[in-house]
Amino acid sequence: MDIQLNHKTLGIILLALSIILIATLSFAKINTDRQSAVLCEKFSETDDMASCPVHKNSISWLFVLAFGIAFLILGAGTYLIFMPTEKPPIVIEETKKEFKHVDIAKLDEDEKKVYEIIKAKGGSAYQSDLVTETSFTKVKVTRILDKLEMMGILERRRRGMTNIIVLK
């Protein structure tokens, strides 16, 4: 039997444990209160609670602490049950590894550099990343990309405030 312990399963376990704990504590508290009342009636001669030996013990604080812990476990279990599940990461399959054959000898050094960076990144890169990686100015990168696009080597696609460059 293979049980996966994800957050919902753990939440259900904690919820069940806390309910059992709260029920057990409730019965113990009721029983202790009954015993205390009987002892208080039998052994206390006065109506003063301060002189009653039953009212001098610290069992009430222990019950408060135990109930507090039980309710914390209940809250944690409830949170884990209703916590949103993690969405699996989106996997984009690389469908195109083969790029258009390019005669690199026809490219100048700067064009080769830009082409090799894009190819090394799997065939696509943001134009802003090319500016950063080549340390060329924006204008120079734009002119190089214009030439490579006119040669049919790549294409630019608008993505928000930048372009994504894709090899053909």
N, C-alpha and C. Protein backbone atom coordinates (compact mmCIF):
# COMPACT_ATOMS: atom_id res chain seq x y z
N MET A 1 0.85 -1.18 0.00
CA MET A 1 0.00 0.00 0.00
C MET A 1 0.89 1.24 0.00
N ASP A 2 0.80 2.00 -1.06
CA ASP A 2 1.65 3.17 -1.23
C ASP A 2 0.83 4.43 -0.96
N ILE A 3 1.14 5.12 0.14
CA ILE A 3 0.41 6.34 0.50
C ILE A 3 1.33 7.52 0.25
N GLN A 4 0.82 8.47 -0.53
CA GLN A 4 1.58 9.69 -0.75
C GLN A 4 1.21 10.68 0.34
N LEU A 5 2.21 11.24 0.98
CA LEU A 5 1.96 12.19 2.07
C LEU A 5 2.11 13.60 1.52
N ASN A 6 1.04 14.07 0.86
CA ASN A 6 1.05 15.45 0.40
C ASN A 6 0.38 16.33 1.45
N HIS A 7 0.25 17.59 1.18
CA HIS A 7 -0.26 18.50 2.20
C HIS A 7 -1.73 18.25 2.53
N LYS A 8 -2.53 17.79 1.58
CA LYS A 8 -3.93 17.51 1.89
C LYS A 8 -4.05 16.28 2.79
N THR A 9 -3.28 15.24 2.51
CA THR A 9 -3.30 14.03 3.35
C THR A 9 -2.83 14.36 4.76
N LEU A 10 -1.76 15.12 4.85
CA LEU A 10 -1.25 15.52 6.16
C LEU A 10 -2.28 16.37 6.90
N GLY A 11 -2.97 17.23 6.17
CA GLY A 11 -4.02 18.05 6.78
C GLY A 11 -5.16 17.22 7.34
N ILE A 12 -5.56 16.19 6.60
CA ILE A 12 -6.63 15.31 7.07
C ILE A 12 -6.19 14.56 8.32
N ILE A 13 -4.95 14.09 8.33
CA ILE A 13 -4.42 13.38 9.50
C ILE A 13 -4.40 14.31 10.72
N LEU A 14 -3.90 15.54 10.54
CA LEU A 14 -3.86 16.49 11.65
C LEU A 14 -5.27 16.86 12.13
N LEU A 15 -6.19 17.01 11.19
CA LEU A 15 -7.57 17.34 11.55
C LEU A 15 -8.20 16.22 12.39
N ALA A 16 -8.02 14.99 11.94
CA ALA A 16 -8.57 13.85 12.69
C ALA A 16 -7.92 13.75 14.07
N LEU A 17 -6.60 13.92 14.12
CA LEU A 17 -5.88 13.85 15.40
C LEU A 17 -6.38 14.93 16.35
N SER A 18 -6.59 16.14 15.85
CA SER A 18 -7.04 17.23 16.71
C SER A 18 -8.46 17.00 17.21
N ILE A 19 -9.33 16.45 16.37
CA ILE A 19 -10.70 16.17 16.81
C ILE A 19 -10.70 15.11 17.90
N ILE A 20 -9.90 14.07 17.73
CA ILE A 20 -9.78 13.03 18.77
C ILE A 20 -9.23 13.63 20.05
N LEU A 21 -8.22 14.48 19.91
CA LEU A 21 -7.60 15.11 21.08
C LEU A 21 -8.59 16.03 21.80
N ILE A 22 -9.35 16.81 21.06
CA ILE A 22 -10.33 17.71 21.67
C ILE A 22 -11.43 16.91 22.37
N ALA A 23 -11.90 15.83 21.74
CA ALA A 23 -12.94 15.01 22.37
C ALA A 23 -12.42 14.38 23.66
N THR A 24 -11.20 13.84 23.61
CA THR A 24 -10.60 13.21 24.80
C THR A 24 -10.41 14.25 25.90
N LEU A 25 -9.91 15.41 25.56
CA LEU A 25 -9.73 16.46 26.56
C LEU A 25 -11.05 16.93 27.15
N SER A 26 -12.09 16.99 26.30
CA SER A 26 -13.41 17.41 26.80
C SER A 26 -13.93 16.42 27.84
N PHE A 27 -13.83 15.13 27.54
CA PHE A 27 -14.28 14.13 28.51
C PHE A 27 -13.44 14.19 29.79
N ALA A 28 -12.13 14.36 29.64
CA ALA A 28 -11.26 14.45 30.82
C ALA A 28 -11.60 15.69 31.65
N LYS A 29 -11.87 16.81 31.00
CA LYS A 29 -12.21 18.04 31.71
C LYS A 29 -13.54 17.90 32.44
N ILE A 30 -14.53 17.32 31.78
CA ILE A 30 -15.84 17.11 32.42
C ILE A 30 -15.69 16.20 33.64
N ASN A 31 -14.93 15.12 33.48
CA ASN A 31 -14.72 14.18 34.58
C ASN A 31 -13.97 14.86 35.74
N THR A 32 -12.95 15.63 35.44
CA THR A 32 -12.18 16.33 36.47
C THR A 32 -13.06 17.36 37.19
N ASP A 33 -13.90 18.06 36.44
CA ASP A 33 -14.80 19.04 37.08
C ASP A 33 -15.79 18.36 38.02
N ARG A 34 -16.31 17.22 37.61
CA ARG A 34 -17.24 16.48 38.48
C ARG A 34 -16.54 16.02 39.76
N GLN A 35 -15.34 15.47 39.60
CA GLN A 35 -14.58 15.01 40.77
C GLN A 35 -14.25 16.18 41.70
N SER A 36 -13.88 17.29 41.10
CA SER A 36 -13.55 18.47 41.90
C SER A 36 -14.76 18.97 42.67
N ALA A 37 -15.92 18.96 42.05
CA ALA A 37 -17.13 19.42 42.72
C ALA A 37 -17.50 18.52 43.90
N VAL A 38 -17.34 17.21 43.69
CA VAL A 38 -17.64 16.27 44.77
C VAL A 38 -16.66 16.45 45.92
N LEU A 39 -15.37 16.56 45.60
CA LEU A 39 -14.36 16.75 46.63
C LEU A 39 -14.56 18.07 47.37
N CYS A 40 -14.92 19.07 46.64
CA CYS A 40 -15.13 20.39 47.24
C CYS A 40 -16.31 20.34 48.21
N GLU A 41 -17.37 19.63 47.84
CA GLU A 41 -18.53 19.50 48.73
C GLU A 41 -18.21 18.69 49.98
N LYS A 42 -17.43 17.60 49.82
CA LYS A 42 -17.16 16.69 50.93
C LYS A 42 -16.15 17.23 51.92
N PHE A 43 -15.09 17.87 51.41
CA PHE A 43 -13.98 18.20 52.29
C PHE A 43 -13.87 19.68 52.65
N SER A 44 -14.64 20.50 52.06
CA SER A 44 -14.56 21.92 52.40
C SER A 44 -15.69 22.27 53.36
N GLU A 45 -15.30 22.76 54.54
CA GLU A 45 -16.29 23.11 55.54
C GLU A 45 -16.89 24.48 55.29
N THR A 46 -16.15 25.35 54.64
CA THR A 46 -16.62 26.71 54.40
C THR A 46 -17.01 26.88 52.95
N ASP A 47 -17.67 27.98 52.66
CA ASP A 47 -18.05 28.27 51.28
C ASP A 47 -16.96 29.06 50.55
N ASP A 48 -15.87 29.28 51.22
CA ASP A 48 -14.76 30.04 50.64
C ASP A 48 -13.95 29.14 49.69
N MET A 49 -13.90 29.50 48.40
CA MET A 49 -13.18 28.70 47.42
C MET A 49 -11.67 28.73 47.64
N ALA A 50 -11.17 29.79 48.20
CA ALA A 50 -9.73 29.92 48.41
C ALA A 50 -9.22 28.90 49.42
N SER A 51 -10.06 28.46 50.34
CA SER A 51 -9.62 27.48 51.33
C SER A 51 -9.83 26.05 50.86
N CYS A 52 -10.52 25.85 49.77
CA CYS A 52 -10.79 24.51 49.24
C CYS A 52 -9.53 23.96 48.57
N PRO A 53 -9.06 22.76 48.94
CA PRO A 53 -7.85 22.20 48.35
C PRO A 53 -8.00 21.89 46.86
N VAL A 54 -9.20 21.65 46.40
CA VAL A 54 -9.43 21.34 44.98
C VAL A 54 -9.15 22.57 44.12
N HIS A 55 -9.50 23.74 44.61
CA HIS A 55 -9.33 24.96 43.82
C HIS A 55 -7.91 25.52 43.87
N LYS A 56 -7.05 24.88 44.61
CA LYS A 56 -5.67 25.36 44.70
C LYS A 56 -4.74 24.67 43.68
N ASN A 57 -5.21 23.63 43.01
CA ASN A 57 -4.31 22.93 42.07
C ASN A 57 -4.28 23.65 40.71
N SER A 58 -3.30 23.27 39.88
CA SER A 58 -3.10 23.96 38.60
C SER A 58 -3.57 23.12 37.42
N ILE A 59 -4.45 22.18 37.66
CA ILE A 59 -4.93 21.32 36.58
C ILE A 59 -5.69 22.10 35.51
N SER A 60 -6.37 23.19 35.89
CA SER A 60 -7.12 24.00 34.92
C SER A 60 -6.20 24.60 33.87
N TRP A 61 -5.03 25.08 34.29
CA TRP A 61 -4.08 25.65 33.34
C TRP A 61 -3.54 24.61 32.39
N LEU A 62 -3.38 23.40 32.87
CA LEU A 62 -2.92 22.32 31.99
C LEU A 62 -3.97 22.00 30.93
N PHE A 63 -5.25 22.05 31.33
CA PHE A 63 -6.31 21.84 30.35
C PHE A 63 -6.35 22.97 29.33
N VAL A 64 -6.18 24.18 29.77
CA VAL A 64 -6.17 25.33 28.84
C VAL A 64 -5.03 25.18 27.84
N LEU A 65 -3.86 24.79 28.33
CA LEU A 65 -2.71 24.59 27.44
C LEU A 65 -2.98 23.46 26.45
N ALA A 66 -3.52 22.34 26.94
CA ALA A 66 -3.80 21.20 26.06
C ALA A 66 -4.85 21.55 25.00
N PHE A 67 -5.91 22.27 25.41
CA PHE A 67 -6.91 22.69 24.43
C PHE A 67 -6.31 23.66 23.41
N GLY A 68 -5.44 24.54 23.86
CA GLY A 68 -4.77 25.47 22.94
C GLY A 68 -3.95 24.74 21.89
N ILE A 69 -3.20 23.74 22.32
CA ILE A 69 -2.39 22.95 21.38
C ILE A 69 -3.31 22.19 20.41
N ALA A 70 -4.40 21.62 20.93
CA ALA A 70 -5.33 20.88 20.08
C ALA A 70 -5.94 21.79 19.01
N PHE A 71 -6.29 23.02 19.41
CA PHE A 71 -6.87 23.94 18.43
C PHE A 71 -5.83 24.45 17.43
N LEU A 72 -4.59 24.56 17.84
CA LEU A 72 -3.52 24.89 16.88
C LEU A 72 -3.35 23.78 15.85
N ILE A 73 -3.38 22.54 16.30
CA ILE A 73 -3.29 21.41 15.38
C ILE A 73 -4.50 21.40 14.44
N LEU A 74 -5.67 21.69 14.98
CA LEU A 74 -6.89 21.77 14.17
C LEU A 74 -6.75 22.84 13.09
N GLY A 75 -6.24 24.01 13.49
CA GLY A 75 -6.04 25.09 12.52
C GLY A 75 -5.03 24.73 11.45
N ALA A 76 -3.94 24.09 11.85
CA ALA A 76 -2.91 23.69 10.88
C ALA A 76 -3.47 22.66 9.91
N GLY A 77 -4.23 21.70 10.42
CA GLY A 77 -4.83 20.69 9.55
C GLY A 77 -5.80 21.29 8.56
N THR A 78 -6.63 22.22 9.04
CA THR A 78 -7.59 22.89 8.16
C THR A 78 -6.87 23.70 7.09
N TYR A 79 -5.82 24.39 7.49
CA TYR A 79 -5.06 25.16 6.51
C TYR A 79 -4.45 24.26 5.44
N LEU A 80 -3.87 23.14 5.87
CA LEU A 80 -3.24 22.24 4.90
C LEU A 80 -4.26 21.62 3.95
N ILE A 81 -5.47 21.38 4.43
CA ILE A 81 -6.50 20.80 3.56
C ILE A 81 -6.91 21.81 2.48
N PHE A 82 -7.09 23.06 2.87
CA PHE A 82 -7.60 24.05 1.94
C PHE A 82 -6.52 24.87 1.26
N MET A 83 -5.26 24.56 1.54
CA MET A 83 -4.16 25.25 0.88
C MET A 83 -4.18 24.92 -0.61
N PRO A 84 -3.99 25.90 -1.47
CA PRO A 84 -4.02 25.61 -2.90
C PRO A 84 -2.90 24.67 -3.29
N THR A 85 -3.22 23.78 -4.22
CA THR A 85 -2.20 22.83 -4.67
C THR A 85 -1.22 23.53 -5.59
N GLU A 86 -0.02 23.02 -5.58
CA GLU A 86 0.99 23.60 -6.45
C GLU A 86 0.73 23.14 -7.87
N LYS A 87 0.75 24.08 -8.76
CA LYS A 87 0.55 23.73 -10.16
C LYS A 87 1.87 23.19 -10.70
N PRO A 88 1.80 22.13 -11.48
CA PRO A 88 3.05 21.62 -12.04
C PRO A 88 3.66 22.64 -13.00
N PRO A 89 4.95 22.73 -13.03
CA PRO A 89 5.57 23.71 -13.91
C PRO A 89 5.25 23.42 -15.37
N ILE A 90 5.09 24.48 -16.11
CA ILE A 90 4.79 24.35 -17.53
C ILE A 90 6.07 23.94 -18.25
N VAL A 91 5.99 22.83 -18.94
CA VAL A 91 7.16 22.34 -19.67
C VAL A 91 6.93 22.64 -21.14
N ILE A 92 7.82 23.42 -21.66
CA ILE A 92 7.75 23.75 -23.07
C ILE A 92 8.72 22.84 -23.81
N GLU A 93 8.14 22.02 -24.64
CA GLU A 93 8.99 21.10 -25.39
C GLU A 93 9.69 21.86 -26.50
N GLU A 94 10.93 21.56 -26.64
CA GLU A 94 11.68 22.19 -27.71
C GLU A 94 11.41 21.41 -28.99
N THR A 95 10.60 22.01 -29.83
CA THR A 95 10.19 21.33 -31.04
C THR A 95 11.17 21.56 -32.19
N LYS A 96 11.96 22.60 -32.08
CA LYS A 96 12.81 22.94 -33.20
C LYS A 96 14.26 23.07 -32.74
N LYS A 97 15.03 22.05 -33.01
CA LYS A 97 16.45 22.09 -32.70
C LYS A 97 17.27 22.34 -33.97
N GLU A 98 16.69 22.01 -35.07
CA GLU A 98 17.37 22.21 -36.35
C GLU A 98 17.07 23.62 -36.83
N PHE A 99 18.11 24.39 -37.06
CA PHE A 99 17.92 25.75 -37.55
C PHE A 99 18.32 25.81 -39.01
N LYS A 100 17.85 26.85 -39.65
CA LYS A 100 18.19 27.08 -41.05
C LYS A 100 19.71 27.13 -41.19
N HIS A 101 20.24 26.46 -42.23
CA HIS A 101 21.69 26.45 -42.44
C HIS A 101 22.16 27.86 -42.79
N VAL A 102 23.14 28.29 -42.02
CA VAL A 102 23.67 29.64 -42.20
C VAL A 102 25.15 29.53 -42.55
N ASP A 103 25.55 30.22 -43.63
CA ASP A 103 26.96 30.26 -43.98
C ASP A 103 27.61 31.34 -43.12
N ILE A 104 28.27 30.90 -42.06
CA ILE A 104 28.84 31.83 -41.08
C ILE A 104 29.96 32.67 -41.70
N ALA A 105 30.56 32.18 -42.76
CA ALA A 105 31.65 32.92 -43.40
C ALA A 105 31.17 34.25 -43.97
N LYS A 106 29.88 34.34 -44.29
CA LYS A 106 29.34 35.57 -44.86
C LYS A 106 29.02 36.62 -43.81
N LEU A 107 29.09 36.24 -42.53
CA LEU A 107 28.77 37.17 -41.45
C LEU A 107 30.03 37.84 -40.94
N ASP A 108 29.90 39.10 -40.51
CA ASP A 108 31.06 39.75 -39.88
C ASP A 108 31.15 39.30 -38.42
N GLU A 109 32.16 39.73 -37.72
CA GLU A 109 32.42 39.26 -36.35
C GLU A 109 31.28 39.55 -35.38
N ASP A 110 30.73 40.75 -35.46
CA ASP A 110 29.63 41.12 -34.56
C ASP A 110 28.38 40.28 -34.84
N GLU A 111 28.08 40.08 -36.12
CA GLU A 111 26.93 39.26 -36.49
C GLU A 111 27.11 37.81 -36.03
N LYS A 112 28.34 37.29 -36.19
CA LYS A 112 28.63 35.93 -35.72
C LYS A 112 28.42 35.82 -34.21
N LYS A 113 28.89 36.82 -33.49
CA LYS A 113 28.76 36.81 -32.04
C LYS A 113 27.30 36.76 -31.62
N VAL A 114 26.46 37.61 -32.22
CA VAL A 114 25.03 37.63 -31.89
C VAL A 114 24.38 36.30 -32.29
N TYR A 115 24.71 35.80 -33.48
CA TYR A 115 24.14 34.54 -33.95
C TYR A 115 24.51 33.38 -33.01
N GLU A 116 25.74 33.30 -32.60
CA GLU A 116 26.20 32.22 -31.72
C GLU A 116 25.54 32.29 -30.34
N ILE A 117 25.34 33.49 -29.82
CA ILE A 117 24.67 33.64 -28.52
C ILE A 117 23.23 33.12 -28.61
N ILE A 118 22.54 33.51 -29.67
CA ILE A 118 21.14 33.07 -29.83
C ILE A 118 21.10 31.55 -30.02
N LYS A 119 21.99 31.02 -30.81
CA LYS A 119 22.02 29.57 -31.05
C LYS A 119 22.35 28.81 -29.76
N ALA A 120 23.26 29.34 -28.95
CA ALA A 120 23.63 28.70 -27.69
C ALA A 120 22.46 28.70 -26.70
N LYS A 121 21.56 29.65 -26.83
CA LYS A 121 20.40 29.73 -25.93
C LYS A 121 19.24 28.90 -26.45
N GLY A 122 19.47 28.01 -27.39
CA GLY A 122 18.41 27.14 -27.88
C GLY A 122 17.63 27.72 -29.03
N GLY A 123 18.12 28.79 -29.61
CA GLY A 123 17.47 29.36 -30.78
C GLY A 123 16.60 30.56 -30.52
N SER A 124 16.53 31.00 -29.25
CA SER A 124 15.74 32.20 -28.97
C SER A 124 16.36 32.95 -27.80
N ALA A 125 16.25 34.26 -27.85
CA ALA A 125 16.79 35.11 -26.78
C ALA A 125 16.07 36.45 -26.82
N TYR A 126 16.02 37.11 -25.69
CA TYR A 126 15.45 38.45 -25.64
C TYR A 126 16.48 39.44 -26.16
N GLN A 127 15.99 40.43 -26.86
CA GLN A 127 16.88 41.44 -27.43
C GLN A 127 17.63 42.16 -26.32
N SER A 128 16.98 42.43 -25.21
CA SER A 128 17.65 43.11 -24.10
C SER A 128 18.79 42.26 -23.52
N ASP A 129 18.62 40.92 -23.54
CA ASP A 129 19.70 40.04 -23.08
C ASP A 129 20.89 40.09 -24.02
N LEU A 130 20.61 40.23 -25.31
CA LEU A 130 21.70 40.33 -26.29
C LEU A 130 22.52 41.60 -26.06
N VAL A 131 21.85 42.68 -25.73
CA VAL A 131 22.55 43.93 -25.45
C VAL A 131 23.47 43.74 -24.25
N THR A 132 22.96 43.07 -23.22
CA THR A 132 23.75 42.84 -22.01
C THR A 132 24.93 41.91 -22.27
N GLU A 133 24.69 40.81 -22.98
CA GLU A 133 25.73 39.79 -23.16
C GLU A 133 26.80 40.20 -24.17
N THR A 134 26.42 40.98 -25.14
CA THR A 134 27.42 41.38 -26.14
C THR A 134 28.15 42.66 -25.75
N SER A 135 27.56 43.40 -24.81
CA SER A 135 28.04 44.72 -24.40
C SER A 135 28.07 45.72 -25.56
N PHE A 136 27.24 45.45 -26.57
CA PHE A 136 27.04 46.40 -27.66
C PHE A 136 25.93 47.37 -27.22
N THR A 137 25.84 48.49 -27.91
CA THR A 137 24.76 49.42 -27.61
C THR A 137 23.45 48.86 -28.18
N LYS A 138 22.35 49.42 -27.71
CA LYS A 138 21.04 48.98 -28.21
C LYS A 138 20.93 49.22 -29.72
N VAL A 139 21.45 50.34 -30.15
CA VAL A 139 21.37 50.69 -31.57
C VAL A 139 22.17 49.69 -32.40
N LYS A 140 23.36 49.33 -31.92
CA LYS A 140 24.20 48.40 -32.67
C LYS A 140 23.54 47.02 -32.75
N VAL A 141 22.98 46.56 -31.64
CA VAL A 141 22.30 45.26 -31.65
C VAL A 141 21.10 45.30 -32.61
N THR A 142 20.35 46.39 -32.57
CA THR A 142 19.20 46.52 -33.47
C THR A 142 19.63 46.47 -34.93
N ARG A 143 20.72 47.13 -35.26
CA ARG A 143 21.21 47.13 -36.66
C ARG A 143 21.69 45.74 -37.07
N ILE A 144 22.37 45.04 -36.15
CA ILE A 144 22.83 43.68 -36.46
C ILE A 144 21.63 42.76 -36.68
N LEU A 145 20.63 42.89 -35.81
CA LEU A 145 19.44 42.06 -35.96
C LEU A 145 18.68 42.39 -37.24
N ASP A 146 18.67 43.68 -37.63
CA ASP A 146 18.04 44.07 -38.90
C ASP A 146 18.71 43.34 -40.06
N LYS A 147 20.05 43.31 -40.07
CA LYS A 147 20.78 42.64 -41.15
C LYS A 147 20.48 41.14 -41.16
N LEU A 148 20.53 40.51 -39.98
CA LEU A 148 20.30 39.06 -39.90
C LEU A 148 18.85 38.72 -40.27
N GLU A 149 17.93 39.60 -39.96
CA GLU A 149 16.54 39.37 -40.32
C GLU A 149 16.34 39.51 -41.83
N MET A 150 17.02 40.47 -42.43
CA MET A 150 16.92 40.65 -43.88
C MET A 150 17.55 39.48 -44.62
N MET A 151 18.55 38.83 -44.01
CA MET A 151 19.17 37.65 -44.61
C MET A 151 18.29 36.40 -44.43
N GLY A 152 17.25 36.50 -43.62
CA GLY A 152 16.36 35.36 -43.39
C GLY A 152 16.89 34.39 -42.34
N ILE A 153 17.81 34.84 -41.51
CA ILE A 153 18.41 33.98 -40.49
C ILE A 153 17.54 33.92 -39.24
N LEU A 154 16.90 35.03 -38.91
CA LEU A 154 16.11 35.10 -37.68
C LEU A 154 14.89 35.97 -37.89
N GLU A 155 14.03 35.97 -36.90
CA GLU A 155 12.89 36.87 -36.90
C GLU A 155 12.69 37.43 -35.50
N ARG A 156 12.13 38.64 -35.44
CA ARG A 156 11.85 39.28 -34.15
C ARG A 156 10.35 39.23 -33.89
N ARG A 157 10.03 38.89 -32.64
CA ARG A 157 8.63 38.88 -32.22
C ARG A 157 8.50 39.80 -31.01
N ARG A 158 7.51 40.64 -31.06
CA ARG A 158 7.31 41.61 -29.97
C ARG A 158 6.78 40.90 -28.73
N ARG A 159 7.41 41.12 -27.58
CA ARG A 159 6.98 40.57 -26.29
C ARG A 159 7.04 41.68 -25.26
N GLY A 160 5.92 42.34 -25.04
CA GLY A 160 5.86 43.42 -24.07
C GLY A 160 6.74 44.58 -24.48
N MET A 161 7.69 44.92 -23.62
CA MET A 161 8.56 46.07 -23.90
C MET A 161 9.83 45.67 -24.64
N THR A 162 9.99 44.41 -24.97
CA THR A 162 11.19 43.95 -25.66
C THR A 162 10.80 43.01 -26.78
N ASN A 163 11.79 42.59 -27.53
CA ASN A 163 11.59 41.61 -28.60
C ASN A 163 12.22 40.30 -28.20
N ILE A 164 11.63 39.22 -28.69
CA ILE A 164 12.30 37.93 -28.57
C ILE A 164 12.80 37.59 -29.96
N ILE A 165 14.03 37.17 -30.01
CA ILE A 165 14.68 36.87 -31.28
C ILE A 165 14.69 35.36 -31.44
N VAL A 166 14.19 34.88 -32.59
CA VAL A 166 14.09 33.45 -32.82
C VAL A 166 14.78 33.10 -34.13
N LEU A 167 15.65 32.10 -34.05
CA LEU A 167 16.32 31.64 -35.27
C LEU A 167 15.34 30.85 -36.11
N LYS A 168 15.49 30.98 -37.43
CA LYS A 168 14.62 30.23 -38.34
C LYS A 168 15.22 28.86 -38.61
